[in-house]
Amino acid sequence: MKKNLRLYVKEKIEKGPLILNKKHSHYLKNVMRLKLNDKVSLFNEVDGEWLATIVSIKKNECSILVEDFIKNSDIFYDVWLLFAPVKQARLDYLAQKTCEMGVKELFPIFTEYTQAKKINIDRIRSNLIEAAEQCNFNNIPSVNEVNNFNYILDNWDKFFKERNVIFCDEKSNLNPMEVFSSNKKKKIDKWAIIIGPEGGFSDNERNIINKKNNSMSISLGPRIMRSDTAVVAILAIFQMIIGDWKS
């Protein structure tokens, strides 16, 4: 029996029998080599996490008996991430880390300098689920369909009403530790973080964002970072000072 084997399932989880889909059945039988009476944990955002026992294994079908409730779904701090797509391997990494770092909602955006013009939303979701399964989370960040960044800029209030926006700008001189520390006592509990593409933001995009009353530009230091690295860096600082790492 493999310890801590967890499966994210879309079906309703409650006490009683459940037939797993073909993909999950194949995974338990042929990849993890589980057998009758082995245990597995099932979870999703709605029903939390439950312990189940394998009661039947057939060629393409695995039946389990859901027995005991383990814990409720996790509640993430309300922080969104807007990001420009990057090459696939690094996008896989970015998706996994956003789940691990507690992002609630993801918004892929095409900016003026975005080089990657295709994005696989289903693959992003798969990476989020994999990270949650491995890291003992019971919640998966939601993923929106890709938007042109100009559309978001033109409909700023629609997206960010009552939400503060952190603009990671390579031309900013503001220290994120100081900016976050000055805002943590204002009892703002809705945030969005914008990370640009490898080529940065255009002057037009930068000027529009900086004119918004609810946006704050910050620097991520003297070194140029890849987008996936910048995501981890800013989320670590944010969660430590404002988010759910603070005491």
Protein backbone atom coordinates (compact mmCIF):
# COMPACT_ATOMS: atom_id res chain seq x y z
CA MET A 1 0.00 0.00 0.00
CA LYS A 2 1.27 3.45 -0.92
CA LYS A 3 1.04 6.01 1.85
CA ASN A 4 -0.71 9.32 1.29
CA LEU A 5 -2.17 8.30 -2.08
CA ARG A 6 -4.75 10.99 -2.84
CA LEU A 7 -7.09 11.36 -5.82
CA TYR A 8 -8.97 14.46 -6.91
CA VAL A 9 -12.43 13.45 -8.15
CA LYS A 10 -15.18 15.56 -9.66
CA GLU A 11 -17.94 13.24 -8.50
CA LYS A 12 -19.79 13.91 -5.25
CA ILE A 13 -18.01 12.22 -2.35
CA GLU A 14 -20.13 10.73 0.41
CA LYS A 15 -20.35 7.49 2.38
CA GLY A 16 -21.13 4.52 0.18
CA PRO A 17 -19.96 2.81 -3.03
CA LEU A 18 -18.35 4.72 -5.88
CA ILE A 19 -17.12 3.53 -9.27
CA LEU A 20 -14.03 5.41 -10.39
CA ASN A 21 -13.62 6.56 -13.98
CA LYS A 22 -11.37 4.72 -16.42
CA LYS A 23 -8.42 7.07 -15.90
CA HIS A 24 -8.44 6.78 -12.11
CA SER A 25 -9.05 3.04 -12.29
CA HIS A 26 -6.04 2.60 -14.58
CA TYR A 27 -3.91 4.75 -12.29
CA LEU A 28 -4.73 2.78 -9.14
CA LYS A 29 -4.44 -0.64 -10.78
CA ASN A 30 -1.60 -0.31 -13.28
CA VAL A 31 0.49 2.63 -12.07
CA MET A 32 0.23 2.47 -8.29
CA ARG A 33 -0.40 -1.32 -8.25
CA LEU A 34 -3.03 -1.11 -5.54
CA LYS A 35 -5.00 -4.21 -4.65
CA LEU A 36 -8.25 -5.18 -2.96
CA ASN A 37 -8.72 -3.68 0.52
CA ASP A 38 -6.03 -1.03 -0.02
CA LYS A 39 -6.93 2.47 1.13
CA VAL A 40 -7.07 5.66 -0.91
CA SER A 41 -8.09 9.24 -0.10
CA LEU A 42 -10.54 11.09 -2.34
CA PHE A 43 -11.02 14.86 -2.30
CA ASN A 44 -12.50 17.86 -4.05
CA GLU A 45 -13.30 21.48 -3.25
CA VAL A 46 -16.92 20.85 -2.27
CA ASP A 47 -16.91 17.64 -0.27
CA GLY A 48 -13.49 17.77 1.39
CA GLU A 49 -11.38 14.64 1.84
CA TRP A 50 -12.61 11.10 2.53
CA LEU A 51 -10.98 7.72 3.17
CA ALA A 52 -12.06 4.84 0.94
CA THR A 53 -11.29 1.13 0.49
CA ILE A 54 -10.87 -0.64 -2.84
CA VAL A 55 -13.55 -3.34 -3.04
CA SER A 56 -13.38 -4.40 -6.69
CA ILE A 57 -10.76 -4.23 -9.44
CA LYS A 58 -11.67 -5.14 -13.00
CA LYS A 59 -9.94 -4.54 -16.32
CA ASN A 60 -11.11 -0.95 -16.80
CA GLU A 61 -13.07 -0.33 -13.63
CA CYS A 62 -12.23 0.10 -9.99
CA SER A 63 -14.93 0.23 -7.33
CA ILE A 64 -14.35 1.71 -3.90
CA LEU A 65 -16.29 2.09 -0.69
CA VAL A 66 -16.17 5.59 0.79
CA GLU A 67 -16.06 5.17 4.56
CA ASP A 68 -14.70 8.00 6.69
CA PHE A 69 -14.59 11.78 6.43
CA ILE A 70 -11.07 13.15 6.97
CA LYS A 71 -11.21 16.94 6.67
CA ASN A 72 -12.93 19.90 5.04
CA SER A 73 -11.71 21.70 1.95
CA ASP A 74 -8.93 24.23 2.45
CA ILE A 75 -9.77 27.93 2.36
CA PHE A 76 -7.23 29.96 0.39
CA TYR A 77 -6.56 33.64 0.94
CA ASP A 78 -8.36 35.62 -1.74
CA VAL A 79 -5.48 36.41 -4.07
CA TRP A 80 -5.62 36.16 -7.86
CA LEU A 81 -2.72 35.80 -10.28
CA LEU A 82 -2.72 37.31 -13.76
CA PHE A 83 0.17 35.93 -15.81
CA ALA A 84 1.39 35.89 -19.38
CA PRO A 85 1.88 32.37 -20.79
CA VAL A 86 5.44 31.08 -21.14
CA LYS A 87 6.94 27.96 -22.72
CA GLN A 88 5.14 24.77 -21.76
CA ALA A 89 7.65 23.21 -19.35
CA ARG A 90 7.89 26.41 -17.35
CA LEU A 91 4.14 26.91 -17.53
CA ASP A 92 3.73 23.47 -15.93
CA TYR A 93 6.03 24.59 -13.13
CA LEU A 94 4.20 27.91 -12.76
CA ALA A 95 0.83 26.18 -12.44
CA GLN A 96 2.07 23.74 -9.82
CA LYS A 97 3.66 26.48 -7.72
CA THR A 98 0.59 28.72 -7.80
CA CYS A 99 -1.38 25.89 -6.21
CA GLU A 100 1.31 25.23 -3.61
CA MET A 101 1.56 28.96 -2.83
CA GLY A 102 -2.18 29.37 -2.22
CA VAL A 103 -3.49 31.30 -5.24
CA LYS A 104 -7.28 31.23 -5.41
CA GLU A 105 -7.85 32.08 -9.09
CA LEU A 106 -5.68 32.18 -12.22
CA PHE A 107 -6.08 34.53 -15.19
CA PRO A 108 -3.84 33.84 -18.21
CA ILE A 109 -3.38 37.01 -20.26
CA PHE A 110 -1.94 37.91 -23.65
CA THR A 111 0.01 41.15 -23.26
CA GLU A 112 1.64 43.15 -26.04
CA TYR A 113 4.98 41.38 -25.56
CA THR A 114 3.70 37.86 -24.82
CA GLN A 115 5.64 35.43 -26.99
CA ALA A 116 3.70 32.21 -26.30
CA LYS A 117 0.45 32.54 -28.22
CA LYS A 118 -1.10 29.19 -27.30
CA ILE A 119 -2.15 27.96 -23.88
CA ASN A 120 -3.62 24.63 -22.82
CA ILE A 121 -6.09 25.34 -20.00
CA ASP A 122 -6.78 21.64 -19.41
CA ARG A 123 -3.07 20.99 -18.93
CA ILE A 124 -2.88 23.83 -16.40
CA ARG A 125 -5.76 22.29 -14.46
CA SER A 126 -4.04 18.89 -14.55
CA ASN A 127 -0.90 20.42 -13.07
CA LEU A 128 -2.92 22.15 -10.36
CA ILE A 129 -4.61 18.87 -9.45
CA GLU A 130 -1.29 17.02 -9.35
CA ALA A 131 0.17 19.64 -7.01
CA ALA A 132 -2.86 19.45 -4.72
CA GLU A 133 -2.72 15.65 -4.62
CA GLN A 134 0.95 15.69 -3.64
CA CYS A 135 0.82 18.61 -1.21
CA ASN A 136 -2.19 17.58 0.87
CA PHE A 137 -4.46 20.38 -0.37
CA ASN A 138 -8.21 19.89 -0.74
CA ASN A 139 -8.76 22.85 -3.01
CA ILE A 140 -7.80 23.62 -6.60
CA PRO A 141 -7.31 27.17 -7.90
CA SER A 142 -9.85 28.01 -10.58
CA VAL A 143 -8.53 28.82 -14.06
CA ASN A 144 -10.16 31.34 -16.36
CA GLU A 145 -9.99 31.23 -20.11
CA VAL A 146 -7.24 33.38 -21.60
CA ASN A 147 -7.99 37.10 -22.01
CA ASN A 148 -6.32 39.80 -24.04
CA PHE A 149 -4.76 42.11 -21.47
CA ASN A 150 -6.15 45.16 -23.27
CA TYR A 151 -9.66 43.85 -22.58
CA ILE A 152 -8.87 43.64 -18.88
CA LEU A 153 -7.39 47.14 -18.90
CA ASP A 154 -10.50 48.47 -20.64
CA ASN A 155 -12.77 46.72 -18.10
CA TRP A 156 -10.62 47.26 -15.03
CA ASP A 157 -13.47 47.92 -12.60
CA LYS A 158 -15.34 44.85 -13.80
CA PHE A 159 -12.39 42.64 -12.87
CA PHE A 160 -10.93 44.46 -9.87
CA LYS A 161 -13.79 46.19 -8.06
CA GLU A 162 -12.97 46.27 -4.33
CA ARG A 163 -9.70 44.47 -5.04
CA ASN A 164 -6.16 45.85 -4.70
CA VAL A 165 -3.82 45.10 -7.58
CA ILE A 166 -0.09 44.42 -7.20
CA PHE A 167 1.72 45.30 -10.40
CA CYS A 168 5.14 43.62 -10.69
CA ASP A 169 6.98 46.16 -12.81
CA GLU A 170 10.63 45.88 -13.79
CA LYS A 171 10.80 49.69 -13.94
CA SER A 172 9.42 50.26 -10.43
CA ASN A 173 11.70 51.36 -7.58
CA LEU A 174 9.29 50.44 -4.77
CA ASN A 175 10.33 47.75 -2.30
CA PRO A 176 7.57 45.11 -2.00
CA MET A 177 8.31 44.51 1.69
CA GLU A 178 7.70 48.18 2.44
CA VAL A 179 4.63 48.46 0.20
CA PHE A 180 3.00 45.35 1.67
CA SER A 181 3.84 46.31 5.24
CA SER A 182 2.18 49.72 4.77
CA ASN A 183 -0.99 48.05 3.44
CA LYS A 184 -1.36 45.08 5.78
CA LYS A 185 -3.20 47.11 8.45
CA LYS A 186 -5.84 48.41 6.04
CA LYS A 187 -7.90 45.22 6.32
CA ILE A 188 -7.98 44.67 2.57
CA ASP A 189 -8.75 41.01 1.97
CA LYS A 190 -9.03 40.86 -1.83
CA TRP A 191 -5.90 41.08 -3.96
CA ALA A 192 -4.67 40.47 -7.49
CA ILE A 193 -1.07 40.12 -8.67
CA ILE A 194 -0.03 40.86 -12.27
CA ILE A 195 3.11 39.22 -13.68
CA GLY A 196 4.21 40.10 -17.19
CA PRO A 197 5.91 38.12 -19.96
CA GLU A 198 9.63 37.64 -20.47
CA GLY A 199 9.77 40.90 -22.43
CA GLY A 200 8.04 42.90 -19.70
CA PHE A 201 5.12 45.28 -20.13
CA SER A 202 4.76 47.88 -22.83
CA ASP A 203 4.85 51.56 -21.86
CA ASN A 204 1.18 51.83 -22.75
CA GLU A 205 0.21 48.94 -20.45
CA ARG A 206 2.41 50.31 -17.67
CA ASN A 207 0.95 53.81 -17.92
CA ILE A 208 -2.65 52.56 -17.79
CA ILE A 209 -2.04 50.36 -14.74
CA ASN A 210 -0.17 53.05 -12.85
CA LYS A 211 -3.09 55.45 -13.26
CA LYS A 212 -5.50 53.13 -11.47
CA ASN A 213 -6.30 54.12 -7.88
CA ASN A 214 -6.29 50.55 -6.62
CA SER A 215 -2.97 49.48 -8.17
CA MET A 216 0.52 49.56 -6.67
CA SER A 217 3.68 48.91 -8.66
CA ILE A 218 6.56 47.06 -7.02
CA SER A 219 10.06 45.95 -7.92
CA LEU A 220 11.27 42.38 -7.57
CA GLY A 221 14.86 43.43 -7.08
CA PRO A 222 17.93 44.13 -9.20
CA ARG A 223 17.97 40.81 -11.09
CA ILE A 224 15.90 39.93 -14.13
CA MET A 225 13.75 36.90 -13.34
CA ARG A 226 11.94 34.46 -15.53
CA SER A 227 8.18 34.78 -15.17
CA ASP A 228 7.81 31.47 -13.32
CA THR A 229 10.52 32.49 -10.85
CA ALA A 230 8.90 35.90 -10.34
CA VAL A 231 5.59 34.23 -9.51
CA VAL A 232 7.13 32.22 -6.67
CA ALA A 233 9.08 35.23 -5.39
CA ILE A 234 6.15 37.64 -5.22
CA LEU A 235 3.75 35.07 -3.77
CA ALA A 236 6.22 34.20 -1.01
CA ILE A 237 6.58 37.87 -0.03
CA PHE A 238 2.83 38.46 -0.26
CA GLN A 239 1.82 35.44 1.81
CA MET A 240 4.44 36.22 4.45
CA ILE A 241 3.32 39.82 5.01
CA ILE A 242 -0.33 40.05 3.95
CA GLY A 243 -1.62 36.57 3.21
CA ASP A 244 -2.07 33.39 5.22
CA TRP A 245 1.55 32.95 6.37
CA LYS A 246 1.31 35.89 8.76
CA SER A 247 0.69 35.22 12.43
